[in-house]
Amino acid sequence: MEKNDSKSRKLIFDEEGLKLLANRLKEVRSEKGLTQEELSHRSELTLSQIARIETVKINPTVSTILKLARALEISPKELFDFEFTDIIKLKN
């Protein structure tokens, strides 16, 4: 069975939102005094996965976000503690 191009799925990649999430993850990780390697160990995620999240190369799953929140000992909502207007601050 051939895949019809007009019906193929499009990946969702909200770059603005992912930049804000990446920035917030870095901020919380720094506040906790953790390196990417330490967070990787605590969360049981690979170091490269942490780096790819923080550099907006991948779109993390909900399960990944939950693992990160547990490893950082925060609620998941704290990782989403940003406003979309914060993207202006990231650009400057």
PDB file of N, CA and C in Angstrom:
ATOM      1  N   MET A   1       0.845  -1.170   0.000  1.00  0.00           N
ATOM      2  CA  MET A   1       0.000   0.000   0.000  1.00  0.00           C
ATOM      3  C   MET A   1       0.898   1.244   0.000  1.00  0.00           C
ATOM      4  N   GLU A   2       0.698   2.137  -0.958  1.00  0.00           N
ATOM      5  CA  GLU A   2       1.492   3.347  -1.054  1.00  0.00           C
ATOM      6  C   GLU A   2       0.914   4.438  -0.162  1.00  0.00           C
ATOM      7  N   LYS A   3       1.820   5.231   0.322  1.00  0.00           N
ATOM      8  CA  LYS A   3       1.409   6.348   1.161  1.00  0.00           C
ATOM      9  C   LYS A   3       1.067   7.536   0.267  1.00  0.00           C
ATOM     10  N   ASN A   4      -0.095   8.106   0.473  1.00  0.00           N
ATOM     11  CA  ASN A   4      -0.529   9.255  -0.301  1.00  0.00           C
ATOM     12  C   ASN A   4       0.092  10.512   0.304  1.00  0.00           C
ATOM     13  N   ASP A   5       0.921  11.236  -0.486  1.00  0.00           N
ATOM     14  CA  ASP A   5       1.618  12.415   0.017  1.00  0.00           C
ATOM     15  C   ASP A   5       0.674  13.493   0.535  1.00  0.00           C
ATOM     16  N   SER A   6      -0.487  13.626  -0.081  1.00  0.00           N
ATOM     17  CA  SER A   6      -1.410  14.668   0.355  1.00  0.00           C
ATOM     18  C   SER A   6      -2.011  14.361   1.724  1.00  0.00           C
ATOM     19  N   LYS A   7      -1.929  13.121   2.143  1.00  0.00           N
ATOM     20  CA  LYS A   7      -2.475  12.737   3.443  1.00  0.00           C
ATOM     21  C   LYS A   7      -1.384  12.422   4.459  1.00  0.00           C
ATOM     22  N   SER A   8      -0.118  12.635   4.100  1.00  0.00           N
ATOM     23  CA  SER A   8       0.961  12.313   5.027  1.00  0.00           C
ATOM     24  C   SER A   8       0.915  13.264   6.219  1.00  0.00           C
ATOM     25  N   ARG A   9       1.361  12.754   7.334  1.00  0.00           N
ATOM     26  CA  ARG A   9       1.317  13.527   8.575  1.00  0.00           C
ATOM     27  C   ARG A   9       2.432  14.551   8.602  1.00  0.00           C
ATOM     28  N   LYS A  10       2.137  15.691   9.150  1.00  0.00           N
ATOM     29  CA  LYS A  10       3.124  16.743   9.303  1.00  0.00           C
ATOM     30  C   LYS A  10       3.542  16.779  10.767  1.00  0.00           C
ATOM     31  N   LEU A  11       4.849  16.789  11.010  1.00  0.00           N
ATOM     32  CA  LEU A  11       5.339  16.859  12.378  1.00  0.00           C
ATOM     33  C   LEU A  11       5.086  18.246  12.948  1.00  0.00           C
ATOM     34  N   ILE A  12       4.711  18.272  14.207  1.00  0.00           N
ATOM     35  CA  ILE A  12       4.477  19.538  14.884  1.00  0.00           C
ATOM     36  C   ILE A  12       5.759  19.927  15.602  1.00  0.00           C
ATOM     37  N   PHE A  13       6.262  21.102  15.301  1.00  0.00           N
ATOM     38  CA  PHE A  13       7.484  21.591  15.923  1.00  0.00           C
ATOM     39  C   PHE A  13       7.299  23.080  16.179  1.00  0.00           C
ATOM     40  N   ASP A  14       6.875  23.414  17.374  1.00  0.00           N
ATOM     41  CA  ASP A  14       6.647  24.801  17.768  1.00  0.00           C
ATOM     42  C   ASP A  14       7.970  25.359  18.282  1.00  0.00           C
ATOM     43  N   GLU A  15       8.741  25.908  17.372  1.00  0.00           N
ATOM     44  CA  GLU A  15      10.088  26.361  17.731  1.00  0.00           C
ATOM     45  C   GLU A  15      10.077  27.403  18.844  1.00  0.00           C
ATOM     46  N   GLU A  16       9.143  28.341  18.796  1.00  0.00           N
ATOM     47  CA  GLU A  16       9.058  29.376  19.831  1.00  0.00           C
ATOM     48  C   GLU A  16       8.834  28.748  21.208  1.00  0.00           C
ATOM     49  N   GLY A  17       7.855  27.875  21.299  1.00  0.00           N
ATOM     50  CA  GLY A  17       7.557  27.226  22.569  1.00  0.00           C
ATOM     51  C   GLY A  17       8.704  26.350  23.052  1.00  0.00           C
ATOM     52  N   LEU A  18       9.333  25.650  22.128  1.00  0.00           N
ATOM     53  CA  LEU A  18      10.445  24.780  22.515  1.00  0.00           C
ATOM     54  C   LEU A  18      11.662  25.581  22.970  1.00  0.00           C
ATOM     55  N   LYS A  19      11.869  26.776  22.390  1.00  0.00           N
ATOM     56  CA  LYS A  19      12.956  27.645  22.858  1.00  0.00           C
ATOM     57  C   LYS A  19      12.698  28.094  24.290  1.00  0.00           C
ATOM     58  N   LEU A  20      11.463  28.432  24.574  1.00  0.00           N
ATOM     59  CA  LEU A  20      11.105  28.855  25.924  1.00  0.00           C
ATOM     60  C   LEU A  20      11.262  27.708  26.913  1.00  0.00           C
ATOM     61  N   LEU A  21      10.844  26.520  26.526  1.00  0.00           N
ATOM     62  CA  LEU A  21      11.003  25.345  27.381  1.00  0.00           C
ATOM     63  C   LEU A  21      12.481  25.049  27.606  1.00  0.00           C
ATOM     64  N   ALA A  22      13.276  25.120  26.551  1.00  0.00           N
ATOM     65  CA  ALA A  22      14.717  24.864  26.655  1.00  0.00           C
ATOM     66  C   ALA A  22      15.366  25.860  27.615  1.00  0.00           C
ATOM     67  N   ASN A  23      14.999  27.123  27.463  1.00  0.00           N
ATOM     68  CA  ASN A  23      15.553  28.156  28.334  1.00  0.00           C
ATOM     69  C   ASN A  23      15.165  27.906  29.782  1.00  0.00           C
ATOM     70  N   ARG A  24      13.909  27.535  29.996  1.00  0.00           N
ATOM     71  CA  ARG A  24      13.431  27.270  31.361  1.00  0.00           C
ATOM     72  C   ARG A  24      14.133  26.057  31.956  1.00  0.00           C
ATOM     73  N   LEU A  25      14.336  25.017  31.159  1.00  0.00           N
ATOM     74  CA  LEU A  25      15.043  23.823  31.639  1.00  0.00           C
ATOM     75  C   LEU A  25      16.462  24.192  32.061  1.00  0.00           C
ATOM     76  N   LYS A  26      17.160  24.951  31.233  1.00  0.00           N
ATOM     77  CA  LYS A  26      18.527  25.389  31.569  1.00  0.00           C
ATOM     78  C   LYS A  26      18.525  26.220  32.846  1.00  0.00           C
ATOM     79  N   GLU A  27      17.549  27.101  32.962  1.00  0.00           N
ATOM     80  CA  GLU A  27      17.446  27.966  34.134  1.00  0.00           C
ATOM     81  C   GLU A  27      17.257  27.147  35.411  1.00  0.00           C
ATOM     82  N   VAL A  28      16.321  26.216  35.397  1.00  0.00           N
ATOM     83  CA  VAL A  28      16.053  25.389  36.578  1.00  0.00           C
ATOM     84  C   VAL A  28      17.254  24.500  36.882  1.00  0.00           C
ATOM     85  N   ARG A  29      17.840  23.919  35.841  1.00  0.00           N
ATOM     86  CA  ARG A  29      19.008  23.062  36.048  1.00  0.00           C
ATOM     87  C   ARG A  29      20.137  23.849  36.706  1.00  0.00           C
ATOM     88  N   SER A  30      20.365  25.081  36.250  1.00  0.00           N
ATOM     89  CA  SER A  30      21.408  25.935  36.837  1.00  0.00           C
ATOM     90  C   SER A  30      21.086  26.297  38.281  1.00  0.00           C
ATOM     91  N   GLU A  31      19.818  26.624  38.538  1.00  0.00           N
ATOM     92  CA  GLU A  31      19.398  26.943  39.912  1.00  0.00           C
ATOM     93  C   GLU A  31      19.658  25.780  40.854  1.00  0.00           C
ATOM     94  N   LYS A  32      19.514  24.574  40.338  1.00  0.00           N
ATOM     95  CA  LYS A  32      19.735  23.372  41.139  1.00  0.00           C
ATOM     96  C   LYS A  32      21.212  23.001  41.207  1.00  0.00           C
ATOM     97  N   GLY A  33      22.046  23.724  40.453  1.00  0.00           N
ATOM     98  CA  GLY A  33      23.485  23.458  40.454  1.00  0.00           C
ATOM     99  C   GLY A  33      23.865  22.165  39.747  1.00  0.00           C
ATOM    100  N   LEU A  34      23.072  21.792  38.740  1.00  0.00           N
ATOM    101  CA  LEU A  34      23.318  20.537  38.035  1.00  0.00           C
ATOM    102  C   LEU A  34      23.910  20.782  36.652  1.00  0.00           C
ATOM    103  N   THR A  35      24.807  19.911  36.247  1.00  0.00           N
ATOM    104  CA  THR A  35      25.292  19.914  34.877  1.00  0.00           C
ATOM    105  C   THR A  35      24.333  19.087  34.037  1.00  0.00           C
ATOM    106  N   GLN A  36      24.467  19.179  32.729  1.00  0.00           N
ATOM    107  CA  GLN A  36      23.650  18.321  31.856  1.00  0.00           C
ATOM    108  C   GLN A  36      23.929  16.858  32.172  1.00  0.00           C
ATOM    109  N   GLU A  37      25.170  16.534  32.444  1.00  0.00           N
ATOM    110  CA  GLU A  37      25.541  15.145  32.747  1.00  0.00           C
ATOM    111  C   GLU A  37      24.864  14.663  34.028  1.00  0.00           C
ATOM    112  N   GLU A  38      24.843  15.502  35.059  1.00  0.00           N
ATOM    113  CA  GLU A  38      24.184  15.119  36.307  1.00  0.00           C
ATOM    114  C   GLU A  38      22.685  14.948  36.110  1.00  0.00           C
ATOM    115  N   LEU A  39      22.076  15.848  35.340  1.00  0.00           N
ATOM    116  CA  LEU A  39      20.645  15.721  35.054  1.00  0.00           C
ATOM    117  C   LEU A  39      20.371  14.456  34.256  1.00  0.00           C
ATOM    118  N   SER A  40      21.245  14.148  33.334  1.00  0.00           N
ATOM    119  CA  SER A  40      21.115  12.930  32.546  1.00  0.00           C
ATOM    120  C   SER A  40      21.103  11.697  33.452  1.00  0.00           C
ATOM    121  N   HIS A  41      22.031  11.661  34.377  1.00  0.00           N
ATOM    122  CA  HIS A  41      22.118  10.525  35.305  1.00  0.00           C
ATOM    123  C   HIS A  41      20.860  10.422  36.171  1.00  0.00           C
ATOM    124  N   ARG A  42      20.435  11.545  36.734  1.00  0.00           N
ATOM    125  CA  ARG A  42      19.255  11.548  37.611  1.00  0.00           C
ATOM    126  C   ARG A  42      17.968  11.183  36.868  1.00  0.00           C
ATOM    127  N   SER A  43      17.856  11.628  35.623  1.00  0.00           N
ATOM    128  CA  SER A  43      16.618  11.421  34.869  1.00  0.00           C
ATOM    129  C   SER A  43      16.610  10.124  34.068  1.00  0.00           C
ATOM    130  N   GLU A  44      17.767   9.480  33.986  1.00  0.00           N
ATOM    131  CA  GLU A  44      17.928   8.261  33.181  1.00  0.00           C
ATOM    132  C   GLU A  44      17.676   8.532  31.695  1.00  0.00           C
ATOM    133  N   LEU A  45      17.961   9.775  31.280  1.00  0.00           N
ATOM    134  CA  LEU A  45      17.922  10.141  29.863  1.00  0.00           C
ATOM    135  C   LEU A  45      19.373  10.257  29.405  1.00  0.00           C
ATOM    136  N   THR A  46      19.602  10.140  28.121  1.00  0.00           N
ATOM    137  CA  THR A  46      20.975  10.257  27.649  1.00  0.00           C
ATOM    138  C   THR A  46      21.427  11.715  27.700  1.00  0.00           C
ATOM    139  N   LEU A  47      22.723  11.892  27.836  1.00  0.00           N
ATOM    140  CA  LEU A  47      23.290  13.234  27.840  1.00  0.00           C
ATOM    141  C   LEU A  47      22.968  13.948  26.529  1.00  0.00           C
ATOM    142  N   SER A  48      23.046  13.218  25.432  1.00  0.00           N
ATOM    143  CA  SER A  48      22.756  13.846  24.139  1.00  0.00           C
ATOM    144  C   SER A  48      21.293  14.268  24.050  1.00  0.00           C
ATOM    145  N   GLN A  49      20.400  13.520  24.685  1.00  0.00           N
ATOM    146  CA  GLN A  49      18.983  13.906  24.671  1.00  0.00           C
ATOM    147  C   GLN A  49      18.779  15.206  25.451  1.00  0.00           C
ATOM    148  N   ILE A  50      19.432  15.334  26.604  1.00  0.00           N
ATOM    149  CA  ILE A  50      19.340  16.572  27.379  1.00  0.00           C
ATOM    150  C   ILE A  50      19.864  17.738  26.531  1.00  0.00           C
ATOM    151  N   ALA A  51      21.010  17.537  25.907  1.00  0.00           N
ATOM    152  CA  ALA A  51      21.608  18.591  25.080  1.00  0.00           C
ATOM    153  C   ALA A  51      20.704  18.966  23.911  1.00  0.00           C
ATOM    154  N   ARG A  52      20.088  17.977  23.277  1.00  0.00           N
ATOM    155  CA  ARG A  52      19.207  18.252  22.129  1.00  0.00           C
ATOM    156  C   ARG A  52      17.946  18.994  22.559  1.00  0.00           C
ATOM    157  N   ILE A  53      17.456  18.729  23.765  1.00  0.00           N
ATOM    158  CA  ILE A  53      16.293  19.462  24.280  1.00  0.00           C
ATOM    159  C   ILE A  53      16.694  20.916  24.538  1.00  0.00           C
ATOM    160  N   GLU A  54      17.847  21.099  25.174  1.00  0.00           N
ATOM    161  CA  GLU A  54      18.281  22.447  25.530  1.00  0.00           C
ATOM    162  C   GLU A  54      18.724  23.271  24.319  1.00  0.00           C
ATOM    163  N   THR A  55      18.994  22.627  23.194  1.00  0.00           N
ATOM    164  CA  THR A  55      19.374  23.360  21.983  1.00  0.00           C
ATOM    165  C   THR A  55      18.265  23.331  20.937  1.00  0.00           C
ATOM    166  N   VAL A  56      17.086  22.904  21.342  1.00  0.00           N
ATOM    167  CA  VAL A  56      15.873  22.910  20.513  1.00  0.00           C
ATOM    168  C   VAL A  56      16.057  22.091  19.232  1.00  0.00           C
ATOM    169  N   LYS A  57      16.718  20.952  19.370  1.00  0.00           N
ATOM    170  CA  LYS A  57      16.892  20.051  18.237  1.00  0.00           C
ATOM    171  C   LYS A  57      15.793  18.996  18.182  1.00  0.00           C
ATOM    172  N   ILE A  58      15.157  18.741  19.341  1.00  0.00           N
ATOM    173  CA  ILE A  58      14.092  17.738  19.399  1.00  0.00           C
ATOM    174  C   ILE A  58      12.899  18.289  20.171  1.00  0.00           C
ATOM    175  N   ASN A  59      11.786  17.645  19.965  1.00  0.00           N
ATOM    176  CA  ASN A  59      10.535  17.971  20.641  1.00  0.00           C
ATOM    177  C   ASN A  59      10.314  16.884  21.696  1.00  0.00           C
ATOM    178  N   PRO A  60      10.590  17.173  22.982  1.00  0.00           N
ATOM    179  CA  PRO A  60      10.482  16.119  23.993  1.00  0.00           C
ATOM    180  C   PRO A  60       9.047  15.644  24.204  1.00  0.00           C
ATOM    181  N   THR A  61       8.923  14.384  24.515  1.00  0.00           N
ATOM    182  CA  THR A  61       7.605  13.813  24.800  1.00  0.00           C
ATOM    183  C   THR A  61       7.162  14.208  26.205  1.00  0.00           C
ATOM    184  N   VAL A  62       5.919  13.980  26.491  1.00  0.00           N
ATOM    185  CA  VAL A  62       5.392  14.233  27.834  1.00  0.00           C
ATOM    186  C   VAL A  62       6.135  13.371  28.843  1.00  0.00           C
ATOM    187  N   SER A  63       6.402  12.126  28.502  1.00  0.00           N
ATOM    188  CA  SER A  63       7.138  11.235  29.412  1.00  0.00           C
ATOM    189  C   SER A  63       8.525  11.788  29.727  1.00  0.00           C
ATOM    190  N   THR A  64       9.173  12.366  28.730  1.00  0.00           N
ATOM    191  CA  THR A  64      10.493  12.955  28.932  1.00  0.00           C
ATOM    192  C   THR A  64      10.401  14.150  29.877  1.00  0.00           C
ATOM    193  N   ILE A  65       9.404  14.985  29.681  1.00  0.00           N
ATOM    194  CA  ILE A  65       9.200  16.142  30.558  1.00  0.00           C
ATOM    195  C   ILE A  65       8.961  15.680  31.996  1.00  0.00           C
ATOM    196  N   LEU A  66       8.173  14.636  32.166  1.00  0.00           N
ATOM    197  CA  LEU A  66       7.901  14.115  33.512  1.00  0.00           C
ATOM    198  C   LEU A  66       9.168  13.578  34.167  1.00  0.00           C
ATOM    199  N   LYS A  67      10.002  12.877  33.395  1.00  0.00           N
ATOM    200  CA  LYS A  67      11.274  12.368  33.939  1.00  0.00           C
ATOM    201  C   LYS A  67      12.177  13.523  34.364  1.00  0.00           C
ATOM    202  N   LEU A  68      12.216  14.571  33.544  1.00  0.00           N
ATOM    203  CA  LEU A  68      13.046  15.731  33.876  1.00  0.00           C
ATOM    204  C   LEU A  68      12.539  16.415  35.146  1.00  0.00           C
ATOM    205  N   ALA A  69      11.236  16.589  35.253  1.00  0.00           N
ATOM    206  CA  ALA A  69      10.662  17.230  36.439  1.00  0.00           C
ATOM    207  C   ALA A  69      10.982  16.424  37.697  1.00  0.00           C
ATOM    208  N   ARG A  70      10.827  15.118  37.621  1.00  0.00           N
ATOM    209  CA  ARG A  70      11.153  14.271  38.783  1.00  0.00           C
ATOM    210  C   ARG A  70      12.622  14.406  39.156  1.00  0.00           C
ATOM    211  N   ALA A  71      13.484  14.367  38.152  1.00  0.00           N
ATOM    212  CA  ALA A  71      14.923  14.454  38.397  1.00  0.00           C
ATOM    213  C   ALA A  71      15.305  15.804  38.998  1.00  0.00           C
ATOM    214  N   LEU A  72      14.592  16.851  38.609  1.00  0.00           N
ATOM    215  CA  LEU A  72      14.861  18.192  39.135  1.00  0.00           C
ATOM    216  C   LEU A  72      14.123  18.455  40.451  1.00  0.00           C
ATOM    217  N   GLU A  73      13.279  17.496  40.841  1.00  0.00           N
ATOM    218  CA  GLU A  73      12.480  17.581  42.065  1.00  0.00           C
ATOM    219  C   GLU A  73      11.583  18.823  42.050  1.00  0.00           C
ATOM    220  N   ILE A  74      10.890  18.988  40.921  1.00  0.00           N
ATOM    221  CA  ILE A  74       9.937  20.085  40.756  1.00  0.00           C
ATOM    222  C   ILE A  74       8.670  19.514  40.127  1.00  0.00           C
ATOM    223  N   SER A  75       7.628  20.312  40.128  1.00  0.00           N
ATOM    224  CA  SER A  75       6.405  19.882  39.443  1.00  0.00           C
ATOM    225  C   SER A  75       6.581  20.154  37.949  1.00  0.00           C
ATOM    226  N   PRO A  76       5.944  19.362  37.107  1.00  0.00           N
ATOM    227  CA  PRO A  76       6.060  19.601  35.663  1.00  0.00           C
ATOM    228  C   PRO A  76       5.662  21.021  35.266  1.00  0.00           C
ATOM    229  N   LYS A  77       4.684  21.592  35.969  1.00  0.00           N
ATOM    230  CA  LYS A  77       4.241  22.937  35.597  1.00  0.00           C
ATOM    231  C   LYS A  77       5.346  23.967  35.770  1.00  0.00           C
ATOM    232  N   GLU A  78       6.318  23.696  36.648  1.00  0.00           N
ATOM    233  CA  GLU A  78       7.427  24.633  36.820  1.00  0.00           C
ATOM    234  C   GLU A  78       8.303  24.707  35.572  1.00  0.00           C
ATOM    235  N   LEU A  79       8.354  23.638  34.794  1.00  0.00           N
ATOM    236  CA  LEU A  79       9.112  23.677  33.539  1.00  0.00           C
ATOM    237  C   LEU A  79       8.395  24.505  32.488  1.00  0.00           C
ATOM    238  N   PHE A  80       7.111  24.690  32.685  1.00  0.00           N
ATOM    239  CA  PHE A  80       6.318  25.481  31.746  1.00  0.00           C
ATOM    240  C   PHE A  80       5.984  26.862  32.323  1.00  0.00           C
ATOM    241  N   ASP A  81       6.783  27.299  33.281  1.00  0.00           N
ATOM    242  CA  ASP A  81       6.559  28.598  33.916  1.00  0.00           C
ATOM    243  C   ASP A  81       7.217  29.694  33.076  1.00  0.00           C
ATOM    244  N   PHE A  82       6.589  29.985  31.941  1.00  0.00           N
ATOM    245  CA  PHE A  82       7.047  31.050  31.057  1.00  0.00           C
ATOM    246  C   PHE A  82       5.858  31.581  30.280  1.00  0.00           C
ATOM    247  N   GLU A  83       6.043  32.735  29.722  1.00  0.00           N
ATOM    248  CA  GLU A  83       5.026  33.367  28.885  1.00  0.00           C
ATOM    249  C   GLU A  83       5.555  33.413  27.463  1.00  0.00           C
ATOM    250  N   PHE A  84       4.690  33.335  26.495  1.00  0.00           N
ATOM    251  CA  PHE A  84       5.147  33.393  25.108  1.00  0.00           C
ATOM    252  C   PHE A  84       5.812  34.722  24.790  1.00  0.00           C
ATOM    253  N   THR A  85       5.491  35.758  25.538  1.00  0.00           N
ATOM    254  CA  THR A  85       6.160  37.042  25.314  1.00  0.00           C
ATOM    255  C   THR A  85       7.618  36.989  25.758  1.00  0.00           C
ATOM    256  N   ASP A  86       8.006  35.966  26.535  1.00  0.00           N
ATOM    257  CA  ASP A  86       9.393  35.810  26.972  1.00  0.00           C
ATOM    258  C   ASP A  86      10.336  35.555  25.804  1.00  0.00           C
ATOM    259  N   ILE A  87       9.803  35.133  24.660  1.00  0.00           N
ATOM    260  CA  ILE A  87      10.656  34.847  23.500  1.00  0.00           C
ATOM    261  C   ILE A  87      11.382  36.111  23.058  1.00  0.00           C
ATOM    262  N   ILE A  88      10.788  37.274  23.268  1.00  0.00           N
ATOM    263  CA  ILE A  88      11.429  38.537  22.907  1.00  0.00           C
ATOM    264  C   ILE A  88      12.709  38.705  23.705  1.00  0.00           C
ATOM    265  N   LYS A  89      12.683  38.323  24.976  1.00  0.00           N
ATOM    266  CA  LYS A  89      13.867  38.403  25.826  1.00  0.00           C
ATOM    267  C   LYS A  89      14.971  37.478  25.335  1.00  0.00           C
ATOM    268  N   LEU A  90      14.602  36.298  24.833  1.00  0.00           N
ATOM    269  CA  LEU A  90      15.580  35.341  24.334  1.00  0.00           C
ATOM    270  C   LEU A  90      16.277  35.837  23.075  1.00  0.00           C
ATOM    271  N   LYS A  91      15.570  36.623  22.268  1.00  0.00           N
ATOM    272  CA  LYS A  91      16.138  37.118  21.014  1.00  0.00           C
ATOM    273  C   LYS A  91      17.145  38.225  21.248  1.00  0.00           C
ATOM    274  N   ASN A  92      17.016  38.955  22.363  1.00  0.00           N
ATOM    275  CA  ASN A  92      17.914  40.093  22.637  1.00  0.00           C
ATOM    276  C   ASN A  92      19.168  39.672  23.353  1.00  0.00           C
TER     277      ASN A  92
END
